[in-house]
Amino acid sequence: MMKNKLDKIKEIRVEEVHDHVDGRHFYRVYFYYEKGKINIMAESSTKPIFARYVSKVF
């Protein structure tokens, strides 16, 4: 059984960035928490594929 406190993640966001100053195009993946905190997880040169999985623990 899991005993760690769970975070309250409100959204997982992917932002498409067009940086015209540095000539870059990338995707930024981050968590947006219920209390307004933002945690940048990664930056990617390829567009992420969105997938949802449901796990059942017995």
C-alpha atoms as a PDB file:
ATOM      1  CA  MET A   1       0.000   0.000   0.000  1.00  0.00           C
ATOM      2  CA  MET A   2       1.251   3.476  -0.892  1.00  0.00           C
ATOM      3  CA  LYS A   3       1.962   5.681   2.122  1.00  0.00           C
ATOM      4  CA  ASN A   4       3.474   8.731   0.398  1.00  0.00           C
ATOM      5  CA  LYS A   5       1.468  11.952   0.178  1.00  0.00           C
ATOM      6  CA  LEU A   6       0.068  12.446  -3.318  1.00  0.00           C
ATOM      7  CA  ASP A   7       0.551  15.755  -5.125  1.00  0.00           C
ATOM      8  CA  LYS A   8      -2.518  17.533  -6.475  1.00  0.00           C
ATOM      9  CA  ILE A   9      -1.648  18.030 -10.141  1.00  0.00           C
ATOM     10  CA  LYS A  10      -4.376  20.071 -11.804  1.00  0.00           C
ATOM     11  CA  GLU A  11      -3.088  19.828 -15.387  1.00  0.00           C
ATOM     12  CA  ILE A  12      -0.253  18.407 -17.430  1.00  0.00           C
ATOM     13  CA  ARG A  13       0.476  20.994 -20.082  1.00  0.00           C
ATOM     14  CA  VAL A  14       2.431  20.966 -23.324  1.00  0.00           C
ATOM     15  CA  GLU A  15       3.441  24.364 -24.654  1.00  0.00           C
ATOM     16  CA  GLU A  16       4.607  24.780 -28.247  1.00  0.00           C
ATOM     17  CA  VAL A  17       7.379  27.406 -28.266  1.00  0.00           C
ATOM     18  CA  HIS A  18       8.456  29.400 -31.327  1.00  0.00           C
ATOM     19  CA  ASP A  19      11.582  31.304 -30.241  1.00  0.00           C
ATOM     20  CA  HIS A  20      12.214  33.782 -33.040  1.00  0.00           C
ATOM     21  CA  VAL A  21      15.150  35.389 -31.227  1.00  0.00           C
ATOM     22  CA  ASP A  22      17.242  32.192 -31.052  1.00  0.00           C
ATOM     23  CA  GLY A  23      15.573  30.485 -34.043  1.00  0.00           C
ATOM     24  CA  ARG A  24      14.288  27.530 -32.000  1.00  0.00           C
ATOM     25  CA  HIS A  25      11.054  25.548 -32.109  1.00  0.00           C
ATOM     26  CA  PHE A  26      10.347  23.086 -29.302  1.00  0.00           C
ATOM     27  CA  TYR A  27       7.726  21.738 -26.914  1.00  0.00           C
ATOM     28  CA  ARG A  28       7.826  22.326 -23.159  1.00  0.00           C
ATOM     29  CA  VAL A  29       6.103  19.770 -20.910  1.00  0.00           C
ATOM     30  CA  TYR A  30       5.155  20.801 -17.396  1.00  0.00           C
ATOM     31  CA  PHE A  31       2.925  20.059 -14.419  1.00  0.00           C
ATOM     32  CA  TYR A  32       0.535  22.723 -13.164  1.00  0.00           C
ATOM     33  CA  TYR A  33      -0.356  22.116  -9.532  1.00  0.00           C
ATOM     34  CA  GLU A  34      -3.592  23.033  -7.750  1.00  0.00           C
ATOM     35  CA  LYS A  35      -1.826  25.700  -5.663  1.00  0.00           C
ATOM     36  CA  GLY A  36      -0.364  27.411  -8.757  1.00  0.00           C
ATOM     37  CA  LYS A  37       3.094  25.849  -8.661  1.00  0.00           C
ATOM     38  CA  ILE A  38       4.589  24.974 -12.063  1.00  0.00           C
ATOM     39  CA  ASN A  39       7.215  22.260 -12.545  1.00  0.00           C
ATOM     40  CA  ILE A  40       8.875  22.061 -15.979  1.00  0.00           C
ATOM     41  CA  MET A  41       9.494  18.389 -16.726  1.00  0.00           C
ATOM     42  CA  ALA A  42      11.261  18.550 -20.086  1.00  0.00           C
ATOM     43  CA  GLU A  43      11.771  20.310 -23.398  1.00  0.00           C
ATOM     44  CA  SER A  44      11.447  18.267 -26.581  1.00  0.00           C
ATOM     45  CA  SER A  45      12.309  18.883 -30.223  1.00  0.00           C
ATOM     46  CA  THR A  46       9.556  16.445 -31.260  1.00  0.00           C
ATOM     47  CA  LYS A  47       5.836  16.829 -30.616  1.00  0.00           C
ATOM     48  CA  PRO A  48       4.767  14.557 -27.739  1.00  0.00           C
ATOM     49  CA  ILE A  49       2.033  11.989 -28.309  1.00  0.00           C
ATOM     50  CA  PHE A  50      -0.744  12.197 -25.746  1.00  0.00           C
ATOM     51  CA  ALA A  51      -1.755   8.903 -24.187  1.00  0.00           C
ATOM     52  CA  ARG A  52      -3.906   8.029 -21.197  1.00  0.00           C
ATOM     53  CA  TYR A  53      -3.626   4.775 -19.297  1.00  0.00           C
ATOM     54  CA  VAL A  54      -5.776   3.513 -16.452  1.00  0.00           C
ATOM     55  CA  SER A  55      -4.225   1.109 -13.959  1.00  0.00           C
ATOM     56  CA  LYS A  56      -6.172  -0.956 -11.475  1.00  0.00           C
ATOM     57  CA  VAL A  57      -4.410  -2.088  -8.299  1.00  0.00           C
ATOM     58  CA  PHE A  58      -5.980  -4.929  -6.329  1.00  0.00           C
END
